[in-house]
Amino acid sequence: MKHLKEYDLVREWLGGLLAGSAISFDGLTMIPLTVSTGAEPDWLLLDEALALGAAEVAEVSQAGAVPTLYVTNAGPKDVLLLDGEELVGAKQNRILNTTVLVRSSRTVSIPVSCVEQGRWAYRSRRFASGGRSLYASIRRKKAAQVHASLQMRQAHRADQAGIWSELSEKAANFRVRSPSSAMADVFIAHEHDVLEYQRALAAQPLQVGALVYQGGDWIGLDLLPGARLFAGAWPKLVSGYAMDALGAKVVGQPTESATRRLDDLLNASVEVFPAVGDGNDCRFRGTGVLGAALLVDGIVGHLMAFPD
């Protein structure tokens, strides 16, 4: 196992987490994770920054480029964009390939993947937030793809053809037809169902993270650096878990303790790469677990983990 000082800060954060009582709804179970101490960074989520007019997301040029967008933060606060969150509009809808912190008064080129295969024409000059996250099962595969891309060419690239194939299969399973093969159309068709998951599995007081199970199987973990940021991000993140659970007809409840999965993270092998924007991108893999953590100014900006 590689012992890296950057990941020691992540391990310290993980070691201070407390697991709450499980909350279950229609095949999904969330175990809230809280911390007893620690100051939360004064960052904005992308939705907040867009609503304030402090940030904008745009194509890199009039012609555009599928794997890259520009984010400009003209506001006084740093802005956090999450791995897997959807951006809608411009020439085609995209999702982020990694979590990015954009500093105040900065423009950053961000790596993205397309989630709308059949359109390459302007619908708007700037992107809006889709309010959704990529299916958690596809986000897991993308995390492994990006890790491999970083190892081979120091780039946060995903398998675009593979993502399109996965999205097409999901749309077929849900029997949703979209003129442009847009992931958004499948989510919109099940908007009411997703909303029920969001309400039933809503963030709890002091919650900064969630272990998520489908039936008895662990399927993911997301952590933010404070309760305010988590509460703002969680509805978007849970949408990706909910869409995986819909129609799965899974029964059962998790029987393992939360510490089991946290121990896997503590003991994972780690590689550290320069993050997009500022900070370090810690990519880890261990017994039955893979994922990533953005580390900025000694703060774990976002940690995600999935079964390997």
C-alpha atoms as a PDB file:
ATOM      1  CA  MET A   1       0.000   0.000   0.000  1.00  0.00           C
ATOM      2  CA  LYS A   2       1.320   3.412  -0.906  1.00  0.00           C
ATOM      3  CA  HIS A   3       1.610   5.774   2.039  1.00  0.00           C
ATOM      4  CA  LEU A   4       1.075   9.321   0.834  1.00  0.00           C
ATOM      5  CA  LYS A   5       0.840  12.373   3.051  1.00  0.00           C
ATOM      6  CA  GLU A   6      -1.975  13.809   0.961  1.00  0.00           C
ATOM      7  CA  TYR A   7      -4.171  10.789   1.656  1.00  0.00           C
ATOM      8  CA  ASP A   8      -3.327  10.926   5.363  1.00  0.00           C
ATOM      9  CA  LEU A   9      -5.625  13.971   5.517  1.00  0.00           C
ATOM     10  CA  VAL A  10      -8.364  11.927   3.839  1.00  0.00           C
ATOM     11  CA  ARG A  11      -7.821   9.097   6.301  1.00  0.00           C
ATOM     12  CA  GLU A  12      -8.038  11.537   9.195  1.00  0.00           C
ATOM     13  CA  TRP A  13     -11.374  12.814   7.857  1.00  0.00           C
ATOM     14  CA  LEU A  14     -12.713   9.284   7.382  1.00  0.00           C
ATOM     15  CA  GLY A  15     -11.594   8.309  10.877  1.00  0.00           C
ATOM     16  CA  GLY A  16     -13.728  11.051  12.428  1.00  0.00           C
ATOM     17  CA  LEU A  17     -17.003  10.018  10.783  1.00  0.00           C
ATOM     18  CA  LEU A  18     -19.929   8.737  12.829  1.00  0.00           C
ATOM     19  CA  ALA A  19     -22.593   6.462  11.342  1.00  0.00           C
ATOM     20  CA  GLY A  20     -26.256   7.192  12.052  1.00  0.00           C
ATOM     21  CA  SER A  21     -29.391   5.062  11.808  1.00  0.00           C
ATOM     22  CA  ALA A  22     -30.215   3.579   8.422  1.00  0.00           C
ATOM     23  CA  ILE A  23     -33.081   5.070   6.388  1.00  0.00           C
ATOM     24  CA  SER A  24     -34.691   2.878   3.713  1.00  0.00           C
ATOM     25  CA  PHE A  25     -37.077   3.497   0.832  1.00  0.00           C
ATOM     26  CA  ASP A  26     -38.122   1.221  -2.040  1.00  0.00           C
ATOM     27  CA  GLY A  27     -34.939  -0.809  -2.387  1.00  0.00           C
ATOM     28  CA  LEU A  28     -32.440   1.866  -1.330  1.00  0.00           C
ATOM     29  CA  THR A  29     -30.917   2.315   2.119  1.00  0.00           C
ATOM     30  CA  MET A  30     -28.907   5.337   3.203  1.00  0.00           C
ATOM     31  CA  ILE A  31     -26.668   5.330   6.268  1.00  0.00           C
ATOM     32  CA  PRO A  32     -26.001   8.977   7.239  1.00  0.00           C
ATOM     33  CA  LEU A  33     -22.433   9.900   8.120  1.00  0.00           C
ATOM     34  CA  THR A  34     -21.788  12.849  10.397  1.00  0.00           C
ATOM     35  CA  VAL A  35     -18.838  14.633  12.018  1.00  0.00           C
ATOM     36  CA  SER A  36     -18.808  16.152  15.480  1.00  0.00           C
ATOM     37  CA  THR A  37     -16.340  18.956  14.761  1.00  0.00           C
ATOM     38  CA  GLY A  38     -14.765  20.893  11.915  1.00  0.00           C
ATOM     39  CA  ALA A  39     -15.359  24.155  10.089  1.00  0.00           C
ATOM     40  CA  GLU A  40     -17.072  24.027   6.721  1.00  0.00           C
ATOM     41  CA  PRO A  41     -15.444  25.869   3.801  1.00  0.00           C
ATOM     42  CA  ASP A  42     -17.342  28.890   2.486  1.00  0.00           C
ATOM     43  CA  TRP A  43     -17.752  27.440  -0.996  1.00  0.00           C
ATOM     44  CA  LEU A  44     -20.730  27.573  -3.330  1.00  0.00           C
ATOM     45  CA  LEU A  45     -22.158  24.640  -5.221  1.00  0.00           C
ATOM     46  CA  LEU A  46     -22.581  25.214  -8.940  1.00  0.00           C
ATOM     47  CA  ASP A  47     -26.380  25.602  -8.676  1.00  0.00           C
ATOM     48  CA  GLU A  48     -25.930  28.361  -6.090  1.00  0.00           C
ATOM     49  CA  ALA A  49     -23.314  30.185  -8.153  1.00  0.00           C
ATOM     50  CA  LEU A  50     -25.445  30.003 -11.310  1.00  0.00           C
ATOM     51  CA  ALA A  51     -28.500  31.306  -9.449  1.00  0.00           C
ATOM     52  CA  LEU A  52     -26.458  34.270  -8.166  1.00  0.00           C
ATOM     53  CA  GLY A  53     -25.024  34.988 -11.595  1.00  0.00           C
ATOM     54  CA  ALA A  54     -21.550  34.444 -10.149  1.00  0.00           C
ATOM     55  CA  ALA A  55     -20.579  31.615 -12.516  1.00  0.00           C
ATOM     56  CA  GLU A  56     -21.195  30.502 -16.050  1.00  0.00           C
ATOM     57  CA  VAL A  57     -20.409  27.371 -18.036  1.00  0.00           C
ATOM     58  CA  ALA A  58     -19.899  27.542 -21.784  1.00  0.00           C
ATOM     59  CA  GLU A  59     -18.483  25.752 -24.800  1.00  0.00           C
ATOM     60  CA  VAL A  60     -14.761  26.368 -25.333  1.00  0.00           C
ATOM     61  CA  SER A  61     -15.455  28.073 -28.684  1.00  0.00           C
ATOM     62  CA  GLN A  62     -18.202  28.674 -31.222  1.00  0.00           C
ATOM     63  CA  ALA A  63     -17.385  25.278 -32.748  1.00  0.00           C
ATOM     64  CA  GLY A  64     -17.275  23.577 -29.344  1.00  0.00           C
ATOM     65  CA  ALA A  65     -15.372  20.465 -28.240  1.00  0.00           C
ATOM     66  CA  VAL A  66     -17.188  17.423 -26.862  1.00  0.00           C
ATOM     67  CA  PRO A  67     -14.764  16.551 -24.001  1.00  0.00           C
ATOM     68  CA  THR A  68     -14.108  20.077 -22.708  1.00  0.00           C
ATOM     69  CA  LEU A  69     -16.026  23.091 -21.370  1.00  0.00           C
ATOM     70  CA  TYR A  70     -15.080  26.379 -19.729  1.00  0.00           C
ATOM     71  CA  VAL A  71     -16.256  27.418 -16.260  1.00  0.00           C
ATOM     72  CA  THR A  72     -15.853  31.058 -15.276  1.00  0.00           C
ATOM     73  CA  ASN A  73     -16.239  32.053 -11.635  1.00  0.00           C
ATOM     74  CA  ALA A  74     -16.679  35.831 -11.460  1.00  0.00           C
ATOM     75  CA  GLY A  75     -17.913  35.793  -7.871  1.00  0.00           C
ATOM     76  CA  PRO A  76     -16.098  36.300  -4.565  1.00  0.00           C
ATOM     77  CA  LYS A  77     -16.430  32.667  -3.407  1.00  0.00           C
ATOM     78  CA  ASP A  78     -14.910  29.445  -4.718  1.00  0.00           C
ATOM     79  CA  VAL A  79     -17.334  27.168  -6.585  1.00  0.00           C
ATOM     80  CA  LEU A  80     -17.491  23.362  -6.294  1.00  0.00           C
ATOM     81  CA  LEU A  81     -18.619  21.265  -9.274  1.00  0.00           C
ATOM     82  CA  LEU A  82     -19.276  17.589  -8.584  1.00  0.00           C
ATOM     83  CA  ASP A  83     -18.224  14.508 -10.488  1.00  0.00           C
ATOM     84  CA  GLY A  84     -21.201  13.240 -12.504  1.00  0.00           C
ATOM     85  CA  GLU A  85     -23.401  16.342 -12.216  1.00  0.00           C
ATOM     86  CA  GLU A  86     -25.254  17.224 -15.407  1.00  0.00           C
ATOM     87  CA  LEU A  87     -24.942  20.443 -17.405  1.00  0.00           C
ATOM     88  CA  VAL A  88     -27.733  21.069 -19.916  1.00  0.00           C
ATOM     89  CA  GLY A  89     -27.919  23.334 -22.948  1.00  0.00           C
ATOM     90  CA  ALA A  90     -25.349  24.797 -25.376  1.00  0.00           C
ATOM     91  CA  LYS A  91     -24.479  22.263 -28.105  1.00  0.00           C
ATOM     92  CA  GLN A  92     -25.212  19.093 -26.101  1.00  0.00           C
ATOM     93  CA  ASN A  93     -25.718  18.035 -22.487  1.00  0.00           C
ATOM     94  CA  ARG A  94     -22.627  16.912 -20.562  1.00  0.00           C
ATOM     95  CA  ILE A  95     -21.592  15.496 -17.191  1.00  0.00           C
ATOM     96  CA  LEU A  96     -18.383  16.220 -15.290  1.00  0.00           C
ATOM     97  CA  ASN A  97     -15.654  13.593 -15.362  1.00  0.00           C
ATOM     98  CA  THR A  98     -14.255  14.680 -11.995  1.00  0.00           C
ATOM     99  CA  THR A  99     -14.948  17.028  -9.106  1.00  0.00           C
ATOM    100  CA  VAL A 100     -13.500  20.516  -9.598  1.00  0.00           C
ATOM    101  CA  LEU A 101     -13.055  23.549  -7.357  1.00  0.00           C
ATOM    102  CA  VAL A 102     -13.000  26.781  -9.362  1.00  0.00           C
ATOM    103  CA  ARG A 103     -11.413  29.640  -7.446  1.00  0.00           C
ATOM    104  CA  SER A 104     -12.860  33.121  -7.347  1.00  0.00           C
ATOM    105  CA  SER A 105     -12.087  35.214 -10.454  1.00  0.00           C
ATOM    106  CA  ARG A 106     -10.834  32.204 -12.399  1.00  0.00           C
ATOM    107  CA  THR A 107     -11.736  30.442 -15.645  1.00  0.00           C
ATOM    108  CA  VAL A 108     -11.032  26.715 -15.733  1.00  0.00           C
ATOM    109  CA  SER A 109     -11.204  24.169 -18.542  1.00  0.00           C
ATOM    110  CA  ILE A 110     -13.150  21.159 -17.254  1.00  0.00           C
ATOM    111  CA  PRO A 111     -13.220  17.574 -18.618  1.00  0.00           C
ATOM    112  CA  VAL A 112     -16.697  16.314 -19.456  1.00  0.00           C
ATOM    113  CA  SER A 113     -18.541  13.497 -21.206  1.00  0.00           C
ATOM    114  CA  CYS A 114     -21.570  13.762 -23.443  1.00  0.00           C
ATOM    115  CA  VAL A 115     -24.930  12.429 -22.229  1.00  0.00           C
ATOM    116  CA  GLU A 116     -26.901  13.465 -25.317  1.00  0.00           C
ATOM    117  CA  GLN A 117     -25.634  11.616 -28.365  1.00  0.00           C
ATOM    118  CA  GLY A 118     -28.043  12.884 -31.040  1.00  0.00           C
ATOM    119  CA  ARG A 119     -27.569  16.658 -30.815  1.00  0.00           C
ATOM    120  CA  TRP A 120     -24.704  18.968 -31.763  1.00  0.00           C
ATOM    121  CA  ALA A 121     -26.391  22.338 -32.166  1.00  0.00           C
ATOM    122  CA  TYR A 122     -26.804  25.319 -29.898  1.00  0.00           C
ATOM    123  CA  ARG A 123     -29.906  25.279 -27.715  1.00  0.00           C
ATOM    124  CA  SER A 124     -28.562  28.092 -25.521  1.00  0.00           C
ATOM    125  CA  ARG A 125     -25.336  30.071 -25.294  1.00  0.00           C
ATOM    126  CA  ARG A 126     -24.630  28.972 -21.725  1.00  0.00           C
ATOM    127  CA  PHE A 127     -25.220  25.806 -19.718  1.00  0.00           C
ATOM    128  CA  ALA A 128     -27.705  25.438 -16.888  1.00  0.00           C
ATOM    129  CA  SER A 129     -27.662  22.851 -14.133  1.00  0.00           C
ATOM    130  CA  GLY A 130     -29.689  19.758 -14.911  1.00  0.00           C
ATOM    131  CA  GLY A 131     -30.268  19.154 -11.219  1.00  0.00           C
ATOM    132  CA  ARG A 132     -29.288  15.548 -11.780  1.00  0.00           C
ATOM    133  CA  SER A 133     -26.296  13.246 -11.446  1.00  0.00           C
ATOM    134  CA  LEU A 134     -25.174  10.448 -13.727  1.00  0.00           C
ATOM    135  CA  TYR A 135     -26.512   7.008 -12.773  1.00  0.00           C
ATOM    136  CA  ALA A 136     -24.364   5.838  -9.859  1.00  0.00           C
ATOM    137  CA  SER A 137     -23.577   2.545 -11.620  1.00  0.00           C
ATOM    138  CA  ILE A 138     -22.176   4.437 -14.635  1.00  0.00           C
ATOM    139  CA  ARG A 139     -20.379   6.916 -12.376  1.00  0.00           C
ATOM    140  CA  ARG A 140     -18.612   3.912 -10.835  1.00  0.00           C
ATOM    141  CA  LYS A 141     -17.401   2.692 -14.242  1.00  0.00           C
ATOM    142  CA  LYS A 142     -16.397   6.211 -15.230  1.00  0.00           C
ATOM    143  CA  ALA A 143     -14.300   6.555 -12.053  1.00  0.00           C
ATOM    144  CA  ALA A 144     -12.279   3.506 -13.079  1.00  0.00           C
ATOM    145  CA  GLN A 145     -11.919   4.844 -16.646  1.00  0.00           C
ATOM    146  CA  VAL A 146     -10.691   8.244 -15.456  1.00  0.00           C
ATOM    147  CA  HIS A 147      -8.200   6.614 -13.087  1.00  0.00           C
ATOM    148  CA  ALA A 148      -6.792   4.570 -15.965  1.00  0.00           C
ATOM    149  CA  SER A 149      -6.634   7.695 -18.155  1.00  0.00           C
ATOM    150  CA  LEU A 150      -4.703   9.562 -15.459  1.00  0.00           C
ATOM    151  CA  GLN A 151      -2.241   6.681 -15.191  1.00  0.00           C
ATOM    152  CA  MET A 152      -1.678   6.502 -18.945  1.00  0.00           C
ATOM    153  CA  ARG A 153      -1.818  10.134 -20.092  1.00  0.00           C
ATOM    154  CA  GLN A 154      -2.420  12.396 -17.085  1.00  0.00           C
ATOM    155  CA  ALA A 155      -5.876  13.311 -18.398  1.00  0.00           C
ATOM    156  CA  HIS A 156      -9.350  13.077 -16.856  1.00  0.00           C
ATOM    157  CA  ARG A 157     -10.880  11.260 -19.820  1.00  0.00           C
ATOM    158  CA  ALA A 158     -13.688   8.691 -19.791  1.00  0.00           C
ATOM    159  CA  ASP A 159     -14.839   6.124 -22.344  1.00  0.00           C
ATOM    160  CA  GLN A 160     -17.340   8.220 -24.305  1.00  0.00           C
ATOM    161  CA  ALA A 161     -18.543   5.332 -26.465  1.00  0.00           C
ATOM    162  CA  GLY A 162     -18.997   3.204 -23.358  1.00  0.00           C
ATOM    163  CA  ILE A 163     -21.043   5.908 -21.622  1.00  0.00           C
ATOM    164  CA  TRP A 164     -23.299   6.274 -24.664  1.00  0.00           C
ATOM    165  CA  SER A 165     -23.800   2.504 -24.741  1.00  0.00           C
ATOM    166  CA  GLU A 166     -24.672   2.390 -21.040  1.00  0.00           C
ATOM    167  CA  LEU A 167     -27.133   5.281 -21.393  1.00  0.00           C
ATOM    168  CA  SER A 168     -28.773   3.657 -24.412  1.00  0.00           C
ATOM    169  CA  GLU A 169     -29.249   0.446 -22.456  1.00  0.00           C
ATOM    170  CA  LYS A 170     -30.768   2.347 -19.529  1.00  0.00           C
ATOM    171  CA  ALA A 171     -33.190   4.179 -21.830  1.00  0.00           C
ATOM    172  CA  ALA A 172     -34.247   0.892 -23.430  1.00  0.00           C
ATOM    173  CA  ASN A 173     -34.805  -0.718 -20.033  1.00  0.00           C
ATOM    174  CA  PHE A 174     -36.989   2.225 -18.997  1.00  0.00           C
ATOM    175  CA  ARG A 175     -38.724   2.203 -22.413  1.00  0.00           C
ATOM    176  CA  VAL A 176     -38.048   5.890 -22.900  1.00  0.00           C
ATOM    177  CA  ARG A 177     -37.412   7.236 -26.381  1.00  0.00           C
ATOM    178  CA  SER A 178     -35.537  10.492 -26.760  1.00  0.00           C
ATOM    179  CA  PRO A 179     -35.065  12.368 -30.052  1.00  0.00           C
ATOM    180  CA  SER A 180     -31.460  13.145 -29.099  1.00  0.00           C
ATOM    181  CA  SER A 181     -30.783  10.116 -26.857  1.00  0.00           C
ATOM    182  CA  ALA A 182     -30.570  12.462 -23.895  1.00  0.00           C
ATOM    183  CA  MET A 183     -30.112  11.064 -20.394  1.00  0.00           C
ATOM    184  CA  ALA A 184     -32.225  13.975 -19.174  1.00  0.00           C
ATOM    185  CA  ASP A 185     -35.319  12.657 -20.973  1.00  0.00           C
ATOM    186  CA  VAL A 186     -35.158   9.363 -19.058  1.00  0.00           C
ATOM    187  CA  PHE A 187     -34.833  11.195 -15.741  1.00  0.00           C
ATOM    188  CA  ILE A 188     -37.685  13.569 -16.624  1.00  0.00           C
ATOM    189  CA  ALA A 189     -39.926  10.615 -17.462  1.00  0.00           C
ATOM    190  CA  HIS A 190     -39.368   9.353 -13.900  1.00  0.00           C
ATOM    191  CA  GLU A 191     -39.208  12.732 -12.190  1.00  0.00           C
ATOM    192  CA  HIS A 192     -41.969  11.907  -9.697  1.00  0.00           C
ATOM    193  CA  ASP A 193     -40.281   8.637  -8.674  1.00  0.00           C
ATOM    194  CA  VAL A 194     -36.932  10.363  -8.170  1.00  0.00           C
ATOM    195  CA  LEU A 195     -38.597  13.065  -6.090  1.00  0.00           C
ATOM    196  CA  GLU A 196     -40.020  10.399  -3.775  1.00  0.00           C
ATOM    197  CA  TYR A 197     -36.522   9.011  -3.181  1.00  0.00           C
ATOM    198  CA  GLN A 198     -35.186  12.509  -2.562  1.00  0.00           C
ATOM    199  CA  ARG A 199     -37.873  13.181   0.037  1.00  0.00           C
ATOM    200  CA  ALA A 200     -37.624   9.810   1.770  1.00  0.00           C
ATOM    201  CA  LEU A 201     -33.804   9.829   1.905  1.00  0.00           C
ATOM    202  CA  ALA A 202     -33.375  13.536   2.645  1.00  0.00           C
ATOM    203  CA  ALA A 203     -30.214  14.780   4.343  1.00  0.00           C
ATOM    204  CA  GLN A 204     -30.257  14.637   8.141  1.00  0.00           C
ATOM    205  CA  PRO A 205     -28.968  17.305  10.559  1.00  0.00           C
ATOM    206  CA  LEU A 206     -25.156  17.442  10.649  1.00  0.00           C
ATOM    207  CA  GLN A 207     -24.914  14.881   7.824  1.00  0.00           C
ATOM    208  CA  VAL A 208     -21.832  15.195   5.615  1.00  0.00           C
ATOM    209  CA  GLY A 209     -21.956  11.877   3.781  1.00  0.00           C
ATOM    210  CA  ALA A 210     -23.960   8.791   2.901  1.00  0.00           C
ATOM    211  CA  LEU A 211     -23.290   5.100   2.499  1.00  0.00           C
ATOM    212  CA  VAL A 212     -25.839   3.780   0.003  1.00  0.00           C
ATOM    213  CA  TYR A 213     -27.107   0.222  -0.352  1.00  0.00           C
ATOM    214  CA  GLN A 214     -29.384  -1.384  -2.923  1.00  0.00           C
ATOM    215  CA  GLY A 215     -31.069  -4.231  -1.106  1.00  0.00           C
ATOM    216  CA  GLY A 216     -28.272  -5.725   0.954  1.00  0.00           C
ATOM    217  CA  ASP A 217     -25.487  -4.685  -1.405  1.00  0.00           C
ATOM    218  CA  TRP A 218     -23.319  -1.613  -0.917  1.00  0.00           C
ATOM    219  CA  ILE A 219     -23.350   0.516  -4.099  1.00  0.00           C
ATOM    220  CA  GLY A 220     -21.751   3.839  -3.218  1.00  0.00           C
ATOM    221  CA  LEU A 221     -20.497   6.518  -0.858  1.00  0.00           C
ATOM    222  CA  ASP A 222     -20.435  10.288  -1.226  1.00  0.00           C
ATOM    223  CA  LEU A 223     -18.874  12.745   1.238  1.00  0.00           C
ATOM    224  CA  LEU A 224     -18.807  16.550   1.248  1.00  0.00           C
ATOM    225  CA  PRO A 225     -16.793  18.789   3.629  1.00  0.00           C
ATOM    226  CA  GLY A 226     -19.763  20.063   5.634  1.00  0.00           C
ATOM    227  CA  ALA A 227     -23.459  19.661   6.331  1.00  0.00           C
ATOM    228  CA  ARG A 228     -24.559  22.699   4.302  1.00  0.00           C
ATOM    229  CA  LEU A 229     -22.711  21.570   1.192  1.00  0.00           C
ATOM    230  CA  PHE A 230     -23.912  17.998   1.598  1.00  0.00           C
ATOM    231  CA  ALA A 231     -27.542  19.063   2.014  1.00  0.00           C
ATOM    232  CA  GLY A 232     -27.266  21.104  -1.174  1.00  0.00           C
ATOM    233  CA  ALA A 233     -25.557  18.387  -3.196  1.00  0.00           C
ATOM    234  CA  TRP A 234     -27.381  15.306  -1.926  1.00  0.00           C
ATOM    235  CA  PRO A 235     -30.677  15.652  -3.888  1.00  0.00           C
ATOM    236  CA  LYS A 236     -28.644  15.716  -7.086  1.00  0.00           C
ATOM    237  CA  LEU A 237     -26.437  12.789  -6.043  1.00  0.00           C
ATOM    238  CA  VAL A 238     -29.313  10.660  -4.802  1.00  0.00           C
ATOM    239  CA  SER A 239     -31.047  11.004  -8.184  1.00  0.00           C
ATOM    240  CA  GLY A 240     -28.327   8.828  -9.726  1.00  0.00           C
ATOM    241  CA  TYR A 241     -28.762   6.161  -7.064  1.00  0.00           C
ATOM    242  CA  ALA A 242     -32.556   6.331  -7.376  1.00  0.00           C
ATOM    243  CA  MET A 243     -32.539   5.751 -11.126  1.00  0.00           C
ATOM    244  CA  ASP A 244     -30.446   2.617 -10.629  1.00  0.00           C
ATOM    245  CA  ALA A 245     -32.906   1.348  -8.024  1.00  0.00           C
ATOM    246  CA  LEU A 246     -36.078   2.062 -10.016  1.00  0.00           C
ATOM    247  CA  GLY A 247     -37.489  -1.132 -11.428  1.00  0.00           C
ATOM    248  CA  ALA A 248     -34.719  -3.275  -9.938  1.00  0.00           C
ATOM    249  CA  LYS A 249     -37.182  -4.988  -7.569  1.00  0.00           C
ATOM    250  CA  VAL A 250     -34.431  -5.567  -5.021  1.00  0.00           C
ATOM    251  CA  VAL A 251     -35.302  -6.789  -1.543  1.00  0.00           C
ATOM    252  CA  GLY A 252     -33.262  -7.055   1.617  1.00  0.00           C
ATOM    253  CA  GLN A 253     -31.406  -4.750   3.961  1.00  0.00           C
ATOM    254  CA  PRO A 254     -27.673  -4.214   4.574  1.00  0.00           C
ATOM    255  CA  THR A 255     -26.267  -6.386   7.327  1.00  0.00           C
ATOM    256  CA  GLU A 256     -22.693  -5.093   7.408  1.00  0.00           C
ATOM    257  CA  SER A 257     -21.541  -2.302   9.691  1.00  0.00           C
ATOM    258  CA  ALA A 258     -20.656   1.088   8.254  1.00  0.00           C
ATOM    259  CA  THR A 259     -17.135   0.723   9.611  1.00  0.00           C
ATOM    260  CA  ARG A 260     -16.553  -2.185   7.220  1.00  0.00           C
ATOM    261  CA  ARG A 261     -16.652   0.069   4.163  1.00  0.00           C
ATOM    262  CA  LEU A 262     -14.826   2.919   5.848  1.00  0.00           C
ATOM    263  CA  ASP A 263     -12.024   0.516   6.807  1.00  0.00           C
ATOM    264  CA  ASP A 264     -11.720  -0.504   3.136  1.00  0.00           C
ATOM    265  CA  LEU A 265     -11.170   3.151   2.255  1.00  0.00           C
ATOM    266  CA  LEU A 266      -8.650   3.655   5.051  1.00  0.00           C
ATOM    267  CA  ASN A 267      -6.586   0.728   3.757  1.00  0.00           C
ATOM    268  CA  ALA A 268      -6.813   1.428   0.023  1.00  0.00           C
ATOM    269  CA  SER A 269      -3.804   1.945  -2.228  1.00  0.00           C
ATOM    270  CA  VAL A 270      -3.602   5.532  -3.428  1.00  0.00           C
ATOM    271  CA  GLU A 271      -2.221   7.497  -6.348  1.00  0.00           C
ATOM    272  CA  VAL A 272      -2.213  11.293  -6.302  1.00  0.00           C
ATOM    273  CA  PHE A 273      -2.541  13.409  -9.450  1.00  0.00           C
ATOM    274  CA  PRO A 274      -2.917  17.146 -10.018  1.00  0.00           C
ATOM    275  CA  ALA A 275      -6.590  18.043  -9.815  1.00  0.00           C
ATOM    276  CA  VAL A 276      -8.420  20.053 -12.441  1.00  0.00           C
ATOM    277  CA  GLY A 277      -8.426  23.609 -11.115  1.00  0.00           C
ATOM    278  CA  ASP A 278      -6.732  23.568  -7.704  1.00  0.00           C
ATOM    279  CA  GLY A 279      -5.740  20.797  -5.326  1.00  0.00           C
ATOM    280  CA  ASN A 280      -4.880  17.117  -5.586  1.00  0.00           C
ATOM    281  CA  ASP A 281      -6.919  14.302  -7.076  1.00  0.00           C
ATOM    282  CA  CYS A 282      -6.475  11.215  -4.876  1.00  0.00           C
ATOM    283  CA  ARG A 283      -7.465   8.052  -6.751  1.00  0.00           C
ATOM    284  CA  PHE A 284      -7.731   4.933  -4.627  1.00  0.00           C
ATOM    285  CA  ARG A 285      -8.352   1.246  -5.063  1.00  0.00           C
ATOM    286  CA  GLY A 286      -8.501  -1.480  -2.455  1.00  0.00           C
ATOM    287  CA  THR A 287     -10.278  -4.641  -1.423  1.00  0.00           C
ATOM    288  CA  GLY A 288     -13.673  -4.320  -3.081  1.00  0.00           C
ATOM    289  CA  VAL A 289     -13.505  -0.527  -3.367  1.00  0.00           C
ATOM    290  CA  LEU A 290     -12.489   2.182  -5.837  1.00  0.00           C
ATOM    291  CA  GLY A 291     -12.988   5.908  -5.914  1.00  0.00           C
ATOM    292  CA  ALA A 292     -11.562   9.391  -5.740  1.00  0.00           C
ATOM    293  CA  ALA A 293     -11.189  12.338  -3.393  1.00  0.00           C
ATOM    294  CA  LEU A 294     -10.506  15.973  -4.205  1.00  0.00           C
ATOM    295  CA  LEU A 295      -8.162  17.485  -1.623  1.00  0.00           C
ATOM    296  CA  VAL A 296      -7.848  21.290  -1.557  1.00  0.00           C
ATOM    297  CA  ASP A 297      -6.223  23.396   1.179  1.00  0.00           C
ATOM    298  CA  GLY A 298      -6.230  20.379   3.488  1.00  0.00           C
ATOM    299  CA  ILE A 299      -9.986  19.919   2.953  1.00  0.00           C
ATOM    300  CA  VAL A 300     -11.667  16.859   1.442  1.00  0.00           C
ATOM    301  CA  GLY A 301     -13.840  18.660  -1.084  1.00  0.00           C
ATOM    302  CA  HIS A 302     -15.666  15.561  -2.302  1.00  0.00           C
ATOM    303  CA  LEU A 303     -15.014  11.871  -1.801  1.00  0.00           C
ATOM    304  CA  MET A 304     -16.823   9.220  -3.805  1.00  0.00           C
ATOM    305  CA  ALA A 305     -16.388   5.471  -3.543  1.00  0.00           C
ATOM    306  CA  PHE A 306     -17.976   2.459  -5.197  1.00  0.00           C
ATOM    307  CA  PRO A 307     -17.635  -1.332  -5.179  1.00  0.00           C
ATOM    308  CA  ASP A 308     -14.759  -2.533  -7.348  1.00  0.00           C
END
